Structures are given as C-alpha cells and as structure tokens.
N, C-alpha and C. Protein backbone atom coordinates (compact mmCIF):
# COMPACT_ATOMS: atom_id res chain seq x y z
N UNK A 1 181.04 -25.12 118.32
CA UNK A 1 182.32 -24.77 119.11
C UNK A 1 183.27 -24.59 118.16
N UNK A 2 184.11 -23.76 118.12
CA UNK A 2 185.23 -23.43 117.32
C UNK A 2 186.40 -24.46 118.53
N UNK A 3 186.37 -24.72 119.85
CA UNK A 3 188.00 -25.80 119.82
C UNK A 3 187.64 -27.10 119.98
N UNK A 4 186.60 -27.39 119.32
CA UNK A 4 186.04 -28.65 119.08
C UNK A 4 186.24 -29.18 117.57
N UNK A 5 186.84 -28.30 116.27
CA UNK A 5 187.22 -28.41 115.88
C UNK A 5 188.11 -28.91 115.22
N UNK A 6 188.77 -30.06 113.82
CA UNK A 6 190.17 -30.71 114.17
C UNK A 6 190.25 -29.68 113.37
N UNK A 7 191.98 -30.05 112.98
CA UNK A 7 193.01 -28.58 112.46
C UNK A 7 192.57 -28.15 110.97
N UNK A 8 192.64 -30.33 110.47
CA UNK A 8 192.15 -30.03 109.20
C UNK A 8 191.08 -28.54 108.69
N UNK A 9 189.24 -29.00 109.84
CA UNK A 9 188.48 -28.13 109.24
C UNK A 9 189.32 -26.04 108.95
N UNK A 10 189.18 -26.55 110.61
CA UNK A 10 190.12 -24.74 110.55
C UNK A 10 191.41 -24.76 109.36
N UNK A 11 191.68 -25.50 108.56
CA UNK A 11 192.46 -24.71 107.63
C UNK A 11 191.74 -24.42 106.51
N UNK A 12 191.03 -25.61 106.50
CA UNK A 12 189.78 -25.25 105.29
C UNK A 12 189.66 -23.95 105.25
N UNK A 13 188.93 -23.67 106.92
CA UNK A 13 188.27 -22.19 106.85
C UNK A 13 188.59 -21.19 105.87
N UNK A 14 190.35 -21.53 107.18
CA UNK A 14 191.67 -20.55 106.41
C UNK A 14 191.56 -20.20 104.93
N UNK A 15 192.03 -21.41 104.30
CA UNK A 15 191.88 -21.68 102.99
C UNK A 15 190.98 -20.80 102.52
N UNK A 16 189.52 -20.91 102.06
CA UNK A 16 188.90 -20.61 101.66
C UNK A 16 188.80 -19.33 102.27
N UNK A 17 189.19 -18.34 103.16
CA UNK A 17 189.76 -17.22 103.17
C UNK A 17 190.10 -16.24 102.58
N UNK A 18 191.09 -16.83 103.02
CA UNK A 18 192.62 -16.22 101.67
C UNK A 18 192.62 -16.29 100.22
N UNK A 19 191.27 -17.70 99.99
CA UNK A 19 190.69 -17.09 97.95
C UNK A 19 189.76 -16.11 98.12
N UNK A 20 189.74 -15.28 99.59
CA UNK A 20 188.64 -13.84 98.98
C UNK A 20 187.28 -14.70 99.07
N UNK A 21 186.91 -15.53 100.14
CA UNK A 21 185.66 -15.84 100.64
C UNK A 21 185.03 -15.43 101.39
N UNK A 22 183.73 -14.90 102.55
CA UNK A 22 183.08 -14.39 103.15
C UNK A 22 183.56 -15.54 104.08
N UNK A 23 183.27 -15.04 105.77
CA UNK A 23 183.17 -15.61 106.66
C UNK A 23 182.02 -16.37 106.13
N UNK A 24 180.29 -15.46 106.42
CA UNK A 24 179.34 -15.58 105.51
C UNK A 24 179.12 -17.08 104.55
N UNK A 25 180.28 -16.86 103.70
CA UNK A 25 180.04 -17.96 102.55
C UNK A 25 180.58 -18.99 102.85
N UNK A 26 181.75 -19.00 103.50
CA UNK A 26 182.30 -20.23 104.18
C UNK A 26 181.92 -21.02 105.28
N UNK A 27 180.94 -20.20 105.86
CA UNK A 27 179.91 -20.96 106.49
C UNK A 27 178.98 -21.65 105.94
N UNK A 28 178.38 -21.62 104.59
CA UNK A 28 177.40 -22.37 104.23
C UNK A 28 177.69 -23.13 103.82
N UNK A 29 178.97 -23.58 103.15
CA UNK A 29 180.13 -23.68 102.34
C UNK A 29 180.23 -25.57 102.92
N UNK A 30 180.60 -24.64 104.18
CA UNK A 30 181.07 -25.45 104.95
C UNK A 30 180.00 -26.47 106.36
N UNK A 31 178.25 -25.76 106.05
CA UNK A 31 178.03 -26.36 107.12
C UNK A 31 177.83 -25.71 108.93
N UNK A 32 178.67 -24.79 108.41
CA UNK A 32 179.69 -24.28 110.11
C UNK A 32 178.57 -23.50 111.19
N UNK A 33 178.59 -23.84 112.21
CA UNK A 33 177.89 -22.35 112.46
C UNK A 33 179.17 -20.47 112.16
N UNK A 34 177.82 -20.02 112.10
CA UNK A 34 178.65 -18.76 112.01
C UNK A 34 179.78 -17.66 112.17
N UNK A 35 179.82 -18.21 114.03
CA UNK A 35 180.42 -17.63 114.82
C UNK A 35 181.50 -18.54 115.07
N UNK A 36 181.73 -19.24 114.42
CA UNK A 36 182.85 -20.43 114.79
C UNK A 36 183.59 -20.43 113.37
N UNK A 37 183.67 -20.08 112.27
CA UNK A 37 183.56 -19.42 111.08
C UNK A 37 184.97 -18.13 111.63
N UNK A 38 183.85 -17.35 112.58
CA UNK A 38 183.94 -15.82 112.70
C UNK A 38 185.38 -16.43 113.10
N UNK A 39 185.12 -16.88 114.28
CA UNK A 39 186.09 -17.23 115.13
C UNK A 39 187.51 -17.92 114.72
N UNK A 40 187.72 -18.26 113.75
CA UNK A 40 188.46 -19.17 113.32
C UNK A 40 189.37 -18.36 112.14
N UNK A 41 188.59 -17.03 111.73
CA UNK A 41 189.31 -17.07 110.89
C UNK A 41 190.05 -15.33 112.11
N UNK A 42 189.42 -15.14 113.00
CA UNK A 42 190.09 -13.44 113.87
C UNK A 42 191.21 -14.37 114.95
N UNK A 43 191.08 -15.91 114.61
CA UNK A 43 192.29 -16.47 116.53
C UNK A 43 192.93 -15.87 115.21
N UNK A 44 193.05 -16.59 113.36
CA UNK A 44 194.39 -16.49 112.20
C UNK A 44 194.80 -16.03 112.07
N UNK A 45 193.90 -14.06 112.40
CA UNK A 45 194.36 -13.09 111.57
C UNK A 45 194.91 -12.69 113.27
N UNK A 46 194.64 -12.80 114.98
CA UNK A 46 195.05 -12.01 115.84
C UNK A 46 197.40 -13.40 115.93
N UNK A 47 197.27 -14.86 115.12
CA UNK A 47 198.20 -15.65 115.77
C UNK A 47 198.96 -15.79 114.65
N UNK A 48 198.42 -16.25 113.43
CA UNK A 48 198.57 -16.43 112.51
C UNK A 48 198.87 -18.30 112.32
N UNK A 49 197.74 -18.40 113.08
CA UNK A 49 197.76 -19.95 113.41
C UNK A 49 196.38 -21.11 113.53
N UNK A 50 196.04 -21.58 113.50
CA UNK A 50 194.98 -21.91 113.70
C UNK A 50 194.53 -23.16 115.01
N UNK A 51 195.92 -23.07 114.82
CA UNK A 51 196.04 -24.12 116.90
C UNK A 51 194.99 -23.50 117.35
N UNK A 52 194.02 -23.83 118.31
CA UNK A 52 193.40 -23.45 119.61
C UNK A 52 194.45 -22.50 120.93
N UNK A 53 194.15 -21.48 121.52
CA UNK A 53 194.79 -21.23 122.12
C UNK A 53 195.06 -21.26 123.48
N UNK A 54 195.66 -21.71 124.46
CA UNK A 54 196.15 -22.63 125.18
C UNK A 54 194.47 -22.51 126.49
N UNK A 55 194.39 -23.35 126.91
CA UNK A 55 193.72 -23.39 127.97
C UNK A 55 194.32 -22.83 129.34
N UNK A 56 193.91 -22.46 130.66
CA UNK A 56 193.87 -22.29 131.94
C UNK A 56 193.05 -23.20 132.77
N UNK A 57 192.13 -24.31 131.78
CA UNK A 57 191.19 -24.95 132.90
C UNK A 57 191.44 -25.72 133.39
N UNK A 58 191.55 -26.12 134.55
CA UNK A 58 191.21 -27.39 135.36
C UNK A 58 192.61 -26.88 135.73
N UNK A 59 193.00 -28.67 136.77
CA UNK A 59 193.61 -28.00 138.29
C UNK A 59 194.95 -28.07 138.24
N UNK A 60 195.60 -26.79 138.99
CA UNK A 60 197.19 -27.25 138.66
C UNK A 60 198.78 -28.19 139.24
N UNK A 61 199.22 -28.18 139.24
CA UNK A 61 199.89 -29.13 139.79
C UNK A 61 200.35 -28.13 141.38
N UNK A 62 200.68 -29.10 142.74
CA UNK A 62 200.15 -27.69 143.58
C UNK A 62 201.80 -28.44 144.46
N UNK A 63 202.17 -29.04 143.84
CA UNK A 63 203.71 -30.28 144.65
C UNK A 63 204.44 -30.19 142.94
N UNK A 64 205.89 -29.76 143.13
CA UNK A 64 206.47 -29.88 142.38
C UNK A 64 207.01 -31.14 141.86
N UNK A 65 207.26 -31.59 140.21
CA UNK A 65 208.27 -32.52 140.51
C UNK A 65 209.61 -32.16 141.01
N UNK A 66 210.13 -31.65 141.03
CA UNK A 66 211.29 -31.48 141.64
C UNK A 66 211.13 -31.83 143.55
N UNK A 67 209.81 -31.85 144.00
CA UNK A 67 209.29 -31.53 145.99
C UNK A 67 208.47 -33.32 145.36
N UNK A 68 208.08 -34.12 144.04
CA UNK A 68 208.21 -35.64 144.87
C UNK A 68 208.68 -36.27 143.99
N UNK A 69 210.41 -35.87 143.80
CA UNK A 69 211.05 -36.75 143.83
C UNK A 69 212.27 -36.46 144.50
N UNK A 70 211.53 -35.35 145.46
CA UNK A 70 212.63 -35.28 147.66
C UNK A 70 211.22 -36.57 148.06
N UNK A 71 210.28 -36.59 147.75
CA UNK A 71 209.12 -36.42 148.84
C UNK A 71 209.45 -38.45 148.44
N UNK A 72 209.42 -39.32 147.47
CA UNK A 72 209.48 -40.51 146.62
C UNK A 72 211.56 -41.44 147.46
N UNK A 73 212.18 -40.22 147.53
CA UNK A 73 213.45 -40.52 148.27
C UNK A 73 212.75 -40.83 149.51
N UNK A 74 213.04 -40.40 150.61
CA UNK A 74 212.14 -39.90 151.77
C UNK A 74 211.49 -41.37 152.22
N UNK A 75 210.43 -41.57 151.00
CA UNK A 75 209.76 -42.45 151.16
C UNK A 75 210.92 -44.10 150.79
N UNK A 76 210.78 -44.10 149.68
CA UNK A 76 212.11 -45.32 150.07
C UNK A 76 213.56 -45.22 150.93
N UNK A 77 214.11 -44.45 151.60
CA UNK A 77 214.58 -44.36 152.53
C UNK A 77 214.00 -45.14 153.89
N UNK A 78 212.37 -44.91 153.85
CA UNK A 78 212.03 -45.11 155.27
C UNK A 78 209.55 -45.40 154.93
N UNK A 79 209.90 -46.17 154.31
CA UNK A 79 208.86 -46.94 153.48
C UNK A 79 207.51 -46.41 154.99
N UNK A 80 207.86 -46.69 156.16
CA UNK A 80 206.68 -46.46 157.79
C UNK A 80 206.73 -44.40 157.90
N UNK A 81 207.13 -43.75 156.61
CA UNK A 81 207.40 -41.90 157.40
C UNK A 81 206.07 -42.02 156.74
N UNK A 82 205.29 -40.77 158.28
CA UNK A 82 203.85 -40.51 157.85
C UNK A 82 203.78 -39.16 156.89
N UNK A 83 202.78 -38.84 156.80
CA UNK A 83 202.94 -38.02 155.60
C UNK A 83 202.73 -36.38 157.01
N UNK A 84 202.24 -36.45 157.40
CA UNK A 84 202.90 -35.76 158.74
C UNK A 84 205.14 -35.24 158.86
N UNK A 85 205.76 -36.50 158.77
CA UNK A 85 206.56 -35.74 158.37
C UNK A 85 206.95 -35.82 157.57
N UNK A 86 206.73 -36.41 156.21
CA UNK A 86 207.11 -35.46 154.58
C UNK A 86 206.81 -33.62 154.71
N UNK A 87 205.93 -33.50 155.86
CA UNK A 87 205.51 -31.76 155.66
C UNK A 87 206.14 -31.36 155.75
N UNK A 88 206.99 -31.75 157.48
CA UNK A 88 207.55 -31.47 157.67
C UNK A 88 208.96 -31.07 157.66
N UNK A 89 209.30 -32.15 157.17
CA UNK A 89 211.01 -32.39 156.53
C UNK A 89 211.08 -31.75 154.96
N UNK A 90 209.69 -31.48 154.59
CA UNK A 90 210.18 -30.81 153.18
C UNK A 90 209.81 -29.33 152.75
N UNK A 91 209.08 -28.97 154.28
CA UNK A 91 208.03 -27.74 154.26
C UNK A 91 207.31 -27.06 153.35
N UNK A 92 206.64 -27.81 153.17
CA UNK A 92 205.26 -28.41 152.25
C UNK A 92 204.33 -27.52 152.76
N UNK A 93 204.08 -26.60 152.28
CA UNK A 93 202.73 -25.71 152.22
C UNK A 93 201.88 -26.64 151.85
N UNK A 94 201.05 -27.41 151.84
CA UNK A 94 199.96 -28.11 150.79
C UNK A 94 199.33 -28.84 152.24
N UNK A 95 198.52 -29.25 152.06
CA UNK A 95 197.26 -29.80 152.98
C UNK A 95 197.99 -30.90 152.88
N UNK A 96 197.53 -31.98 153.80
CA UNK A 96 197.90 -33.60 154.30
C UNK A 96 197.64 -35.04 152.80
N UNK A 97 196.17 -34.06 152.98
CA UNK A 97 195.18 -34.84 151.35
C UNK A 97 196.11 -34.60 150.35
N UNK A 98 195.82 -33.58 150.13
CA UNK A 98 197.44 -33.11 149.32
C UNK A 98 198.12 -33.81 148.72
N UNK A 99 198.57 -34.09 150.05
CA UNK A 99 200.24 -34.97 149.77
C UNK A 99 199.81 -36.82 149.54
N UNK A 100 199.07 -36.51 149.76
CA UNK A 100 199.07 -38.23 149.71
C UNK A 100 198.06 -38.65 148.36
N UNK A 101 197.49 -37.12 147.88
CA UNK A 101 196.50 -37.69 147.01
C UNK A 101 197.65 -37.25 145.79
N UNK A 102 198.88 -36.49 146.11
CA UNK A 102 199.89 -36.62 144.81
C UNK A 102 201.08 -37.74 144.87
N UNK A 103 201.38 -38.64 145.66
CA UNK A 103 201.50 -39.52 146.04
C UNK A 103 200.86 -41.24 145.31
N UNK A 104 200.00 -40.72 145.31
CA UNK A 104 199.24 -42.36 145.22
C UNK A 104 199.25 -42.51 143.58
N UNK A 105 198.70 -40.84 143.32
CA UNK A 105 198.86 -40.83 141.63
C UNK A 105 199.57 -40.77 140.78
N UNK A 106 200.89 -39.75 141.08
CA UNK A 106 202.07 -39.39 140.68
C UNK A 106 202.92 -40.47 140.83
N UNK A 107 203.17 -41.04 141.70
CA UNK A 107 204.22 -42.13 142.08
C UNK A 107 203.90 -43.39 142.01
N UNK A 108 202.93 -43.58 142.10
CA UNK A 108 201.77 -44.46 142.05
C UNK A 108 202.49 -45.93 143.41
N UNK A 109 202.26 -45.18 144.87
CA UNK A 109 202.03 -46.10 146.00
C UNK A 109 200.95 -45.73 146.87
N UNK A 110 201.20 -47.28 147.46
CA UNK A 110 199.80 -46.73 148.03
C UNK A 110 200.56 -46.86 149.71
N UNK A 111 199.16 -46.35 150.33
CA UNK A 111 199.89 -46.37 151.90
C UNK A 111 199.31 -48.11 152.75
N UNK A 112 199.56 -49.12 153.41
CA UNK A 112 198.76 -50.37 153.50
C UNK A 112 199.63 -50.32 155.21
N UNK A 113 198.94 -51.27 155.61
CA UNK A 113 197.93 -51.24 156.82
C UNK A 113 199.02 -53.20 157.50
N UNK A 114 199.72 -52.98 157.82
CA UNK A 114 199.88 -54.54 157.96
C UNK A 114 200.40 -54.52 159.58
N UNK A 115 199.82 -55.94 159.27
CA UNK A 115 200.03 -56.36 160.90
C UNK A 115 201.46 -57.02 161.39
N UNK A 116 201.33 -56.63 162.71
CA UNK A 116 202.95 -57.53 163.48
C UNK A 116 202.28 -58.93 164.05
N UNK A 117 203.50 -58.68 163.99
CA UNK A 117 202.65 -60.84 165.09
C UNK A 117 203.04 -59.86 166.53
N UNK A 118 202.93 -58.80 167.28
CA UNK A 118 202.76 -58.04 168.75
C UNK A 118 201.28 -58.38 168.26
N UNK A 119 200.72 -58.16 169.79
CA UNK A 119 199.61 -58.37 169.69
C UNK A 119 198.94 -56.87 169.82
N UNK A 120 197.88 -56.28 168.51
CA UNK A 120 197.57 -54.95 169.01
C UNK A 120 198.75 -53.97 168.01
N UNK A 121 199.83 -54.72 167.37
CA UNK A 121 200.89 -53.89 166.39
C UNK A 121 200.21 -53.36 165.27
N UNK A 122 199.97 -52.50 164.81
CA UNK A 122 200.42 -51.49 163.88
C UNK A 122 200.62 -50.29 163.32
N UNK A 123 201.66 -51.43 161.74
CA UNK A 123 202.36 -50.31 160.79
C UNK A 123 201.82 -50.29 159.79
N UNK A 124 201.86 -49.02 159.34
CA UNK A 124 201.34 -48.52 158.06
C UNK A 124 202.76 -48.02 157.27
N UNK A 125 202.66 -49.10 155.83
CA UNK A 125 204.09 -49.04 154.76
C UNK A 125 203.07 -48.13 154.20
N UNK A 126 204.08 -46.94 153.06
CA UNK A 126 204.27 -47.05 151.44
C UNK A 126 204.40 -47.83 150.85
N UNK A 127 203.58 -48.60 149.60
CA UNK A 127 204.62 -49.64 148.67
C UNK A 127 204.19 -49.36 147.61
N UNK A 128 204.63 -49.79 146.69
CA UNK A 128 204.46 -48.77 145.51
C UNK A 128 203.09 -50.47 144.77
N UNK A 129 202.31 -49.34 144.13
CA UNK A 129 200.96 -50.43 143.76
C UNK A 129 200.99 -51.09 142.84
N UNK A 130 200.35 -52.19 143.59
CA UNK A 130 200.23 -53.37 142.23
C UNK A 130 199.95 -52.92 140.56
N UNK A 131 198.95 -51.99 140.11
CA UNK A 131 198.89 -52.04 139.20
C UNK A 131 199.79 -51.08 138.35
N UNK A 132 200.76 -50.08 138.86
CA UNK A 132 202.32 -49.77 138.15
C UNK A 132 203.34 -51.24 137.84
N UNK A 133 203.29 -51.79 138.38
CA UNK A 133 204.06 -52.54 138.10
C UNK A 133 204.00 -53.55 137.34
C-alpha cells in the first residue's frame, strides 16, 4: 500500500522514474508492489510531491477550540455547573455526551461526586484530573 511507504522510498521511486526507468523496472528493482510504484508516480505527476494526500478519515472535532475555552471558563467560575447548563449557556448544538467527552479528553477534567456533611447531600464538581497535573 502506497500510504505506508516512508518518504525515502517514495523519493527513490521518483528518482528512478526520472532517470527513465519504467514503473515495471522500478517495481522489480525495489521489490515493491507494481500498483504501489504506479500510484507514487501518478501522485508525483499530479501534485509534484511524494507526500501522501491528506486523509479525511477519523472523527472531526465537533466543539471548536473557542467554545472549549468558553466551557473551561464556565467550569473555572463555577465548578459545580451541570452539563445541561453549559449546553444552555453556550447554545451548543451537540449532545451532552459529546460535551462530557470534550471536557474529559481535551481539558482533562473529571466530574467528581463529593459528599457533604449533611445527611444524603451529594455535590458534583469538575476537577482537573490527577494524571494531567
């Protein structure tokens, strides 16, 4: 697969191609898959580079860095703020799970339950996680 080749091998393919060797000869000499050699040559002819094309595979960030900064400010101002309040205050059009995941993974906060000294009282607060300190 062409995407798995290192830059040095890609450049080697192109230098051999520019010397006048055919794709078939390069494939035999470097012991690479023929379609891989032809893909690298095609990529070079189209883009002028041997760098792989950027991939659009993977999850996209649904909460921008600006909104994340606003979320952080809300949490720092009021550690016991609920996800619903964050969503409402910032008018976020994402699920509460998405907000929680962004806070945990990108801000390294955890949502802790703390018992109060009053009987049956429970408070939830956001705290910076220990692993990021």
